[in-house]
Amino acid sequence: MREFRRVHEDCNLNDLGFVSLWFTWERGRFVSTIIKERLDRGVASLNWVNLFPGYRLEHLSHSFSDHCLLLLDTSGRYRIVKAVM
């Protein structure tokens, strides 16, 4: 993990943040034992952020995988997603 962080620092990469679900990984079948974590993330340089100032990174619901898809919208358009409960 130390090496991973060092690469981020050496390349001047910043976490892009996210909207919607706070987690990207889920394990467990029962409410009492379910584990949810934010394992996946988008990173970019400040130059990239300046090129795409209206970006939006969204965590989508997962289906067959235990990881959520990440949708990076660089156009600045906002999608409206209704959570299915």
PDB file of N, CA and C in Angstrom:
ATOM      1  N   MET A   1       0.826  -1.182   0.000  1.00  0.00           N
ATOM      2  CA  MET A   1       0.000   0.000   0.000  1.00  0.00           C
ATOM      3  C   MET A   1       0.878   1.257   0.000  1.00  0.00           C
ATOM      4  N   ARG A   2       2.007   1.185   0.670  1.00  0.00           N
ATOM      5  CA  ARG A   2       2.926   2.318   0.721  1.00  0.00           C
ATOM      6  C   ARG A   2       3.394   2.698  -0.680  1.00  0.00           C
ATOM      7  N   GLU A   3       3.711   1.688  -1.487  1.00  0.00           N
ATOM      8  CA  GLU A   3       4.162   1.943  -2.864  1.00  0.00           C
ATOM      9  C   GLU A   3       3.050   2.572  -3.697  1.00  0.00           C
ATOM     10  N   PHE A   4       1.836   2.090  -3.499  1.00  0.00           N
ATOM     11  CA  PHE A   4       0.679   2.632  -4.214  1.00  0.00           C
ATOM     12  C   PHE A   4       0.522   4.118  -3.905  1.00  0.00           C
ATOM     13  N   ARG A   5       0.598   4.467  -2.634  1.00  0.00           N
ATOM     14  CA  ARG A   5       0.487   5.878  -2.231  1.00  0.00           C
ATOM     15  C   ARG A   5       1.637   6.705  -2.784  1.00  0.00           C
ATOM     16  N   ARG A   6       2.837   6.118  -2.815  1.00  0.00           N
ATOM     17  CA  ARG A   6       3.994   6.845  -3.333  1.00  0.00           C
ATOM     18  C   ARG A   6       3.834   7.165  -4.818  1.00  0.00           C
ATOM     19  N   VAL A   7       3.279   6.220  -5.584  1.00  0.00           N
ATOM     20  CA  VAL A   7       3.029   6.462  -7.005  1.00  0.00           C
ATOM     21  C   VAL A   7       2.045   7.619  -7.172  1.00  0.00           C
ATOM     22  N   HIS A   8       1.008   7.646  -6.377  1.00  0.00           N
ATOM     23  CA  HIS A   8       0.032   8.751  -6.433  1.00  0.00           C
ATOM     24  C   HIS A   8       0.717  10.079  -6.160  1.00  0.00           C
ATOM     25  N   GLU A   9       1.563  10.099  -5.146  1.00  0.00           N
ATOM     26  CA  GLU A   9       2.273  11.334  -4.813  1.00  0.00           C
ATOM     27  C   GLU A   9       3.254  11.723  -5.909  1.00  0.00           C
ATOM     28  N   ASP A  10       4.038  10.749  -6.400  1.00  0.00           N
ATOM     29  CA  ASP A  10       5.038  11.032  -7.438  1.00  0.00           C
ATOM     30  C   ASP A  10       4.394  11.543  -8.723  1.00  0.00           C
ATOM     31  N   CYS A  11       3.213  11.056  -9.044  1.00  0.00           N
ATOM     32  CA  CYS A  11       2.509  11.460 -10.270  1.00  0.00           C
ATOM     33  C   CYS A  11       1.549  12.629 -10.029  1.00  0.00           C
ATOM     34  N   ASN A  12       1.501  13.135  -8.809  1.00  0.00           N
ATOM     35  CA  ASN A  12       0.600  14.237  -8.440  1.00  0.00           C
ATOM     36  C   ASN A  12      -0.855  13.925  -8.782  1.00  0.00           C
ATOM     37  N   LEU A  13      -1.305  12.740  -8.388  1.00  0.00           N
ATOM     38  CA  LEU A  13      -2.684  12.327  -8.648  1.00  0.00           C
ATOM     39  C   LEU A  13      -3.561  12.644  -7.449  1.00  0.00           C
ATOM     40  N   ASN A  14      -4.763  13.099  -7.735  1.00  0.00           N
ATOM     41  CA  ASN A  14      -5.731  13.452  -6.697  1.00  0.00           C
ATOM     42  C   ASN A  14      -6.989  12.620  -6.858  1.00  0.00           C
ATOM     43  N   ASP A  15      -7.585  12.258  -5.733  1.00  0.00           N
ATOM     44  CA  ASP A  15      -8.840  11.523  -5.737  1.00  0.00           C
ATOM     45  C   ASP A  15      -9.923  12.426  -6.305  1.00  0.00           C
ATOM     46  N   LEU A  16     -10.735  11.917  -7.235  1.00  0.00           N
ATOM     47  CA  LEU A  16     -11.775  12.713  -7.890  1.00  0.00           C
ATOM     48  C   LEU A  16     -13.061  12.805  -7.084  1.00  0.00           C
ATOM     49  N   GLY A  17     -13.150  12.081  -5.991  1.00  0.00           N
ATOM     50  CA  GLY A  17     -14.399  12.082  -5.243  1.00  0.00           C
ATOM     51  C   GLY A  17     -15.441  11.243  -5.976  1.00  0.00           C
ATOM     52  N   PHE A  18     -16.701  11.385  -5.601  1.00  0.00           N
ATOM     53  CA  PHE A  18     -17.751  10.589  -6.220  1.00  0.00           C
ATOM     54  C   PHE A  18     -19.114  11.133  -5.827  1.00  0.00           C
ATOM     55  N   VAL A  19     -20.130  10.665  -6.539  1.00  0.00           N
ATOM     56  CA  VAL A  19     -21.524  10.929  -6.164  1.00  0.00           C
ATOM     57  C   VAL A  19     -22.249   9.589  -6.110  1.00  0.00           C
ATOM     58  N   SER A  20     -23.347   9.558  -5.464  1.00  0.00           N
ATOM     59  CA  SER A  20     -24.260   8.415  -5.292  1.00  0.00           C
ATOM     60  C   SER A  20     -23.748   7.474  -4.216  1.00  0.00           C
ATOM     61  N   LEU A  21     -23.765   6.176  -4.454  1.00  0.00           N
ATOM     62  CA  LEU A  21     -23.400   5.180  -3.442  1.00  0.00           C
ATOM     63  C   LEU A  21     -22.031   5.486  -2.849  1.00  0.00           C
ATOM     64  N   TRP A  22     -21.861   5.346  -1.541  1.00  0.00           N
ATOM     65  CA  TRP A  22     -20.566   5.632  -0.916  1.00  0.00           C
ATOM     66  C   TRP A  22     -19.602   4.465  -1.059  1.00  0.00           C
ATOM     67  N   PHE A  23     -20.091   3.272  -1.390  1.00  0.00           N
ATOM     68  CA  PHE A  23     -19.226   2.099  -1.483  1.00  0.00           C
ATOM     69  C   PHE A  23     -19.083   1.639  -2.934  1.00  0.00           C
ATOM     70  N   THR A  24     -18.015   0.885  -3.209  1.00  0.00           N
ATOM     71  CA  THR A  24     -17.820   0.322  -4.549  1.00  0.00           C
ATOM     72  C   THR A  24     -17.674  -1.191  -4.503  1.00  0.00           C
ATOM     73  N   TRP A  25     -17.663  -1.767  -3.299  1.00  0.00           N
ATOM     74  CA  TRP A  25     -17.494  -3.206  -3.143  1.00  0.00           C
ATOM     75  C   TRP A  25     -18.402  -3.676  -2.023  1.00  0.00           C
ATOM     76  N   GLU A  26     -19.035  -4.830  -2.248  1.00  0.00           N
ATOM     77  CA  GLU A  26     -19.970  -5.357  -1.264  1.00  0.00           C
ATOM     78  C   GLU A  26     -19.795  -6.861  -1.171  1.00  0.00           C
ATOM     79  N   ARG A  27     -19.776  -7.362   0.070  1.00  0.00           N
ATOM     80  CA  ARG A  27     -19.642  -8.809   0.272  1.00  0.00           C
ATOM     81  C   ARG A  27     -20.596  -9.211   1.386  1.00  0.00           C
ATOM     82  N   GLY A  28     -21.295 -10.321   1.193  1.00  0.00           N
ATOM     83  CA  GLY A  28     -22.207 -10.836   2.210  1.00  0.00           C
ATOM     84  C   GLY A  28     -23.621 -10.928   1.676  1.00  0.00           C
ATOM     85  N   ARG A  29     -24.346 -11.864   2.234  1.00  0.00           N
ATOM     86  CA  ARG A  29     -25.719 -12.081   1.779  1.00  0.00           C
ATOM     87  C   ARG A  29     -26.769 -11.636   2.789  1.00  0.00           C
ATOM     88  N   PHE A  30     -26.379 -11.485   4.024  1.00  0.00           N
ATOM     89  CA  PHE A  30     -27.335 -11.147   5.069  1.00  0.00           C
ATOM     90  C   PHE A  30     -27.017  -9.766   5.632  1.00  0.00           C
ATOM     91  N   VAL A  31     -28.038  -9.032   5.999  1.00  0.00           N
ATOM     92  CA  VAL A  31     -27.868  -7.672   6.503  1.00  0.00           C
ATOM     93  C   VAL A  31     -26.900  -7.652   7.685  1.00  0.00           C
ATOM     94  N   SER A  32     -26.960  -8.646   8.534  1.00  0.00           N
ATOM     95  CA  SER A  32     -26.125  -8.661   9.736  1.00  0.00           C
ATOM     96  C   SER A  32     -24.644  -8.922   9.441  1.00  0.00           C
ATOM     97  N   THR A  33     -24.328  -9.478   8.271  1.00  0.00           N
ATOM     98  CA  THR A  33     -22.929  -9.824   7.971  1.00  0.00           C
ATOM     99  C   THR A  33     -22.372  -9.095   6.746  1.00  0.00           C
ATOM    100  N   ILE A  34     -23.156  -8.206   6.161  1.00  0.00           N
ATOM    101  CA  ILE A  34     -22.714  -7.558   4.927  1.00  0.00           C
ATOM    102  C   ILE A  34     -21.574  -6.570   5.199  1.00  0.00           C
ATOM    103  N   ILE A  35     -20.614  -6.541   4.298  1.00  0.00           N
ATOM    104  CA  ILE A  35     -19.484  -5.618   4.379  1.00  0.00           C
ATOM    105  C   ILE A  35     -19.522  -4.750   3.127  1.00  0.00           C
ATOM    106  N   LYS A  36     -19.421  -3.435   3.302  1.00  0.00           N
ATOM    107  CA  LYS A  36     -19.392  -2.493   2.176  1.00  0.00           C
ATOM    108  C   LYS A  36     -18.193  -1.575   2.367  1.00  0.00           C
ATOM    109  N   GLU A  37     -17.420  -1.385   1.295  1.00  0.00           N
ATOM    110  CA  GLU A  37     -16.230  -0.536   1.356  1.00  0.00           C
ATOM    111  C   GLU A  37     -16.077   0.239   0.055  1.00  0.00           C
ATOM    112  N   ARG A  38     -15.354   1.328   0.112  1.00  0.00           N
ATOM    113  CA  ARG A  38     -14.997   2.072  -1.107  1.00  0.00           C
ATOM    114  C   ARG A  38     -13.579   1.665  -1.487  1.00  0.00           C
ATOM    115  N   LEU A  39     -13.471   0.639  -2.327  1.00  0.00           N
ATOM    116  CA  LEU A  39     -12.173   0.125  -2.755  1.00  0.00           C
ATOM    117  C   LEU A  39     -11.715   0.753  -4.059  1.00  0.00           C
ATOM    118  N   ASP A  40     -12.637   1.078  -4.935  1.00  0.00           N
ATOM    119  CA  ASP A  40     -12.323   1.591  -6.271  1.00  0.00           C
ATOM    120  C   ASP A  40     -12.492   3.099  -6.278  1.00  0.00           C
ATOM    121  N   ARG A  41     -11.605   3.782  -6.972  1.00  0.00           N
ATOM    122  CA  ARG A  41     -11.697   5.240  -7.023  1.00  0.00           C
ATOM    123  C   ARG A  41     -11.072   5.760  -8.299  1.00  0.00           C
ATOM    124  N   GLY A  42     -11.452   6.962  -8.658  1.00  0.00           N
ATOM    125  CA  GLY A  42     -10.865   7.630  -9.813  1.00  0.00           C
ATOM    126  C   GLY A  42      -9.838   8.640  -9.337  1.00  0.00           C
ATOM    127  N   VAL A  43      -8.719   8.706 -10.033  1.00  0.00           N
ATOM    128  CA  VAL A  43      -7.682   9.682  -9.705  1.00  0.00           C
ATOM    129  C   VAL A  43      -7.266  10.409 -10.977  1.00  0.00           C
ATOM    130  N   ALA A  44      -6.787  11.626 -10.828  1.00  0.00           N
ATOM    131  CA  ALA A  44      -6.354  12.412 -11.985  1.00  0.00           C
ATOM    132  C   ALA A  44      -5.400  13.502 -11.522  1.00  0.00           C
ATOM    133  N   SER A  45      -4.653  14.023 -12.472  1.00  0.00           N
ATOM    134  CA  SER A  45      -3.758  15.153 -12.198  1.00  0.00           C
ATOM    135  C   SER A  45      -4.565  16.458 -12.207  1.00  0.00           C
ATOM    136  N   LEU A  46      -3.978  17.503 -11.659  1.00  0.00           N
ATOM    137  CA  LEU A  46      -4.652  18.807 -11.689  1.00  0.00           C
ATOM    138  C   LEU A  46      -4.812  19.314 -13.119  1.00  0.00           C
ATOM    139  N   ASN A  47      -3.873  18.977 -14.007  1.00  0.00           N
ATOM    140  CA  ASN A  47      -4.015  19.359 -15.421  1.00  0.00           C
ATOM    141  C   ASN A  47      -5.274  18.744 -16.021  1.00  0.00           C
ATOM    142  N   TRP A  48      -5.525  17.470 -15.708  1.00  0.00           N
ATOM    143  CA  TRP A  48      -6.720  16.781 -16.225  1.00  0.00           C
ATOM    144  C   TRP A  48      -7.974  17.464 -15.669  1.00  0.00           C
ATOM    145  N   VAL A  49      -7.980  17.749 -14.377  1.00  0.00           N
ATOM    146  CA  VAL A  49      -9.140  18.398 -13.750  1.00  0.00           C
ATOM    147  C   VAL A  49      -9.398  19.754 -14.399  1.00  0.00           C
ATOM    148  N   ASN A  50      -8.335  20.482 -14.741  1.00  0.00           N
ATOM    149  CA  ASN A  50      -8.509  21.772 -15.424  1.00  0.00           C
ATOM    150  C   ASN A  50      -9.065  21.603 -16.833  1.00  0.00           C
ATOM    151  N   LEU A  51      -8.744  20.502 -17.506  1.00  0.00           N
ATOM    152  CA  LEU A  51      -9.299  20.230 -18.841  1.00  0.00           C
ATOM    153  C   LEU A  51     -10.772  19.848 -18.784  1.00  0.00           C
ATOM    154  N   PHE A  52     -11.173  19.187 -17.703  1.00  0.00           N
ATOM    155  CA  PHE A  52     -12.556  18.702 -17.551  1.00  0.00           C
ATOM    156  C   PHE A  52     -13.136  19.193 -16.220  1.00  0.00           C
ATOM    157  N   PRO A  53     -13.315  20.489 -16.060  1.00  0.00           N
ATOM    158  CA  PRO A  53     -13.753  21.026 -14.764  1.00  0.00           C
ATOM    159  C   PRO A  53     -15.159  20.590 -14.349  1.00  0.00           C
ATOM    160  N   GLY A  54     -15.982  20.170 -15.278  1.00  0.00           N
ATOM    161  CA  GLY A  54     -17.340  19.752 -14.937  1.00  0.00           C
ATOM    162  C   GLY A  54     -17.474  18.247 -14.783  1.00  0.00           C
ATOM    163  N   TYR A  55     -16.375  17.553 -14.545  1.00  0.00           N
ATOM    164  CA  TYR A  55     -16.433  16.082 -14.462  1.00  0.00           C
ATOM    165  C   TYR A  55     -17.328  15.624 -13.313  1.00  0.00           C
ATOM    166  N   ARG A  56     -17.739  14.396 -13.420  1.00  0.00           N
ATOM    167  CA  ARG A  56     -18.575  13.780 -12.377  1.00  0.00           C
ATOM    168  C   ARG A  56     -18.265  12.292 -12.377  1.00  0.00           C
ATOM    169  N   LEU A  57     -17.857  11.757 -11.252  1.00  0.00           N
ATOM    170  CA  LEU A  57     -17.589  10.329 -11.103  1.00  0.00           C
ATOM    171  C   LEU A  57     -18.701   9.728 -10.265  1.00  0.00           C
ATOM    172  N   GLU A  58     -19.376   8.751 -10.828  1.00  0.00           N
ATOM    173  CA  GLU A  58     -20.539   8.165 -10.164  1.00  0.00           C
ATOM    174  C   GLU A  58     -20.310   6.680  -9.928  1.00  0.00           C
ATOM    175  N   HIS A  59     -20.660   6.215  -8.745  1.00  0.00           N
ATOM    176  CA  HIS A  59     -20.643   4.786  -8.435  1.00  0.00           C
ATOM    177  C   HIS A  59     -22.012   4.222  -8.829  1.00  0.00           C
ATOM    178  N   LEU A  60     -22.023   3.325  -9.794  1.00  0.00           N
ATOM    179  CA  LEU A  60     -23.278   2.714 -10.232  1.00  0.00           C
ATOM    180  C   LEU A  60     -23.548   1.449  -9.419  1.00  0.00           C
ATOM    181  N   SER A  61     -24.780   1.013  -9.401  1.00  0.00           N
ATOM    182  CA  SER A  61     -25.134  -0.235  -8.712  1.00  0.00           C
ATOM    183  C   SER A  61     -24.457  -1.406  -9.389  1.00  0.00           C
ATOM    184  N   HIS A  62     -24.094  -2.391  -8.581  1.00  0.00           N
ATOM    185  CA  HIS A  62     -23.473  -3.591  -9.157  1.00  0.00           C
ATOM    186  C   HIS A  62     -24.558  -4.605  -9.485  1.00  0.00           C
ATOM    187  N   SER A  63     -24.234  -5.571 -10.331  1.00  0.00           N
ATOM    188  CA  SER A  63     -25.187  -6.622 -10.644  1.00  0.00           C
ATOM    189  C   SER A  63     -24.534  -7.990 -10.467  1.00  0.00           C
ATOM    190  N   PHE A  64     -23.696  -8.393 -11.394  1.00  0.00           N
ATOM    191  CA  PHE A  64     -23.089  -9.718 -11.316  1.00  0.00           C
ATOM    192  C   PHE A  64     -21.767  -9.726 -10.557  1.00  0.00           C
ATOM    193  N   SER A  65     -21.108  -8.616 -10.494  1.00  0.00           N
ATOM    194  CA  SER A  65     -19.825  -8.502  -9.798  1.00  0.00           C
ATOM    195  C   SER A  65     -20.060  -7.982  -8.385  1.00  0.00           C
ATOM    196  N   ASP A  66     -19.091  -8.183  -7.506  1.00  0.00           N
ATOM    197  CA  ASP A  66     -19.200  -7.599  -6.174  1.00  0.00           C
ATOM    198  C   ASP A  66     -18.629  -6.182  -6.136  1.00  0.00           C
ATOM    199  N   HIS A  67     -18.152  -5.691  -7.285  1.00  0.00           N
ATOM    200  CA  HIS A  67     -17.683  -4.316  -7.414  1.00  0.00           C
ATOM    201  C   HIS A  67     -18.688  -3.498  -8.230  1.00  0.00           C
ATOM    202  N   CYS A  68     -18.859  -2.249  -7.864  1.00  0.00           N
ATOM    203  CA  CYS A  68     -19.715  -1.338  -8.622  1.00  0.00           C
ATOM    204  C   CYS A  68     -18.944  -0.796  -9.823  1.00  0.00           C
ATOM    205  N   LEU A  69     -19.668  -0.491 -10.856  1.00  0.00           N
ATOM    206  CA  LEU A  69     -19.060   0.194 -11.996  1.00  0.00           C
ATOM    207  C   LEU A  69     -18.827   1.651 -11.634  1.00  0.00           C
ATOM    208  N   LEU A  70     -17.774   2.227 -12.189  1.00  0.00           N
ATOM    209  CA  LEU A  70     -17.527   3.658 -12.038  1.00  0.00           C
ATOM    210  C   LEU A  70     -17.814   4.313 -13.375  1.00  0.00           C
ATOM    211  N   LEU A  71     -18.648   5.341 -13.366  1.00  0.00           N
ATOM    212  CA  LEU A  71     -18.971   6.076 -14.582  1.00  0.00           C
ATOM    213  C   LEU A  71     -18.363   7.464 -14.461  1.00  0.00           C
ATOM    214  N   LEU A  72     -17.447   7.774 -15.363  1.00  0.00           N
ATOM    215  CA  LEU A  72     -16.808   9.090 -15.375  1.00  0.00           C
ATOM    216  C   LEU A  72     -17.394   9.905 -16.514  1.00  0.00           C
ATOM    217  N   ASP A  73     -18.125  10.943 -16.165  1.00  0.00           N
ATOM    218  CA  ASP A  73     -18.738  11.839 -17.139  1.00  0.00           C
ATOM    219  C   ASP A  73     -17.867  13.095 -17.224  1.00  0.00           C
ATOM    220  N   THR A  74     -17.227  13.308 -18.366  1.00  0.00           N
ATOM    221  CA  THR A  74     -16.366  14.487 -18.542  1.00  0.00           C
ATOM    222  C   THR A  74     -17.097  15.648 -19.197  1.00  0.00           C
ATOM    223  N   SER A  75     -18.348  15.438 -19.616  1.00  0.00           N
ATOM    224  CA  SER A  75     -19.076  16.480 -20.341  1.00  0.00           C
ATOM    225  C   SER A  75     -19.736  17.495 -19.411  1.00  0.00           C
ATOM    226  N   GLY A  76     -19.846  17.160 -18.148  1.00  0.00           N
ATOM    227  CA  GLY A  76     -20.488  18.077 -17.213  1.00  0.00           C
ATOM    228  C   GLY A  76     -21.992  17.906 -17.141  1.00  0.00           C
ATOM    229  N   ARG A  77     -22.533  16.951 -17.862  1.00  0.00           N
ATOM    230  CA  ARG A  77     -23.976  16.681 -17.788  1.00  0.00           C
ATOM    231  C   ARG A  77     -24.239  15.793 -16.582  1.00  0.00           C
ATOM    232  N   TYR A  78     -25.338  16.059 -15.920  1.00  0.00           N
ATOM    233  CA  TYR A  78     -25.669  15.264 -14.737  1.00  0.00           C
ATOM    234  C   TYR A  78     -26.752  14.268 -15.076  1.00  0.00           C
ATOM    235  N   ARG A  79     -26.507  13.014 -14.732  1.00  0.00           N
ATOM    236  CA  ARG A  79     -27.512  11.971 -14.893  1.00  0.00           C
ATOM    237  C   ARG A  79     -28.348  11.915 -13.628  1.00  0.00           C
ATOM    238  N   ILE A  80     -29.599  11.617 -13.775  1.00  0.00           N
ATOM    239  CA  ILE A  80     -30.472  11.417 -12.615  1.00  0.00           C
ATOM    240  C   ILE A  80     -30.675   9.917 -12.494  1.00  0.00           C
ATOM    241  N   VAL A  81     -30.263   9.385 -11.373  1.00  0.00           N
ATOM    242  CA  VAL A  81     -30.355   7.949 -11.140  1.00  0.00           C
ATOM    243  C   VAL A  81     -31.262   7.733  -9.941  1.00  0.00           C
ATOM    244  N   LYS A  82     -32.254   6.891 -10.120  1.00  0.00           N
ATOM    245  CA  LYS A  82     -33.146   6.545  -9.008  1.00  0.00           C
ATOM    246  C   LYS A  82     -32.645   5.256  -8.397  1.00  0.00           C
ATOM    247  N   ALA A  83     -32.449   5.267  -7.097  1.00  0.00           N
ATOM    248  CA  ALA A  83     -32.012   4.073  -6.382  1.00  0.00           C
ATOM    249  C   ALA A  83     -33.190   3.111  -6.278  1.00  0.00           C
ATOM    250  N   VAL A  84     -32.927   1.851  -6.535  1.00  0.00           N
ATOM    251  CA  VAL A  84     -33.957   0.818  -6.409  1.00  0.00           C
ATOM    252  C   VAL A  84     -33.802   0.197  -5.022  1.00  0.00           C
ATOM    253  N   MET A  85     -34.832   0.278  -4.234  1.00  0.00           N
ATOM    254  CA  MET A  85     -34.774  -0.269  -2.874  1.00  0.00           C
ATOM    255  C   MET A  85     -35.500  -1.579  -2.799  1.00  0.00           C
TER     256      MET A  85
END
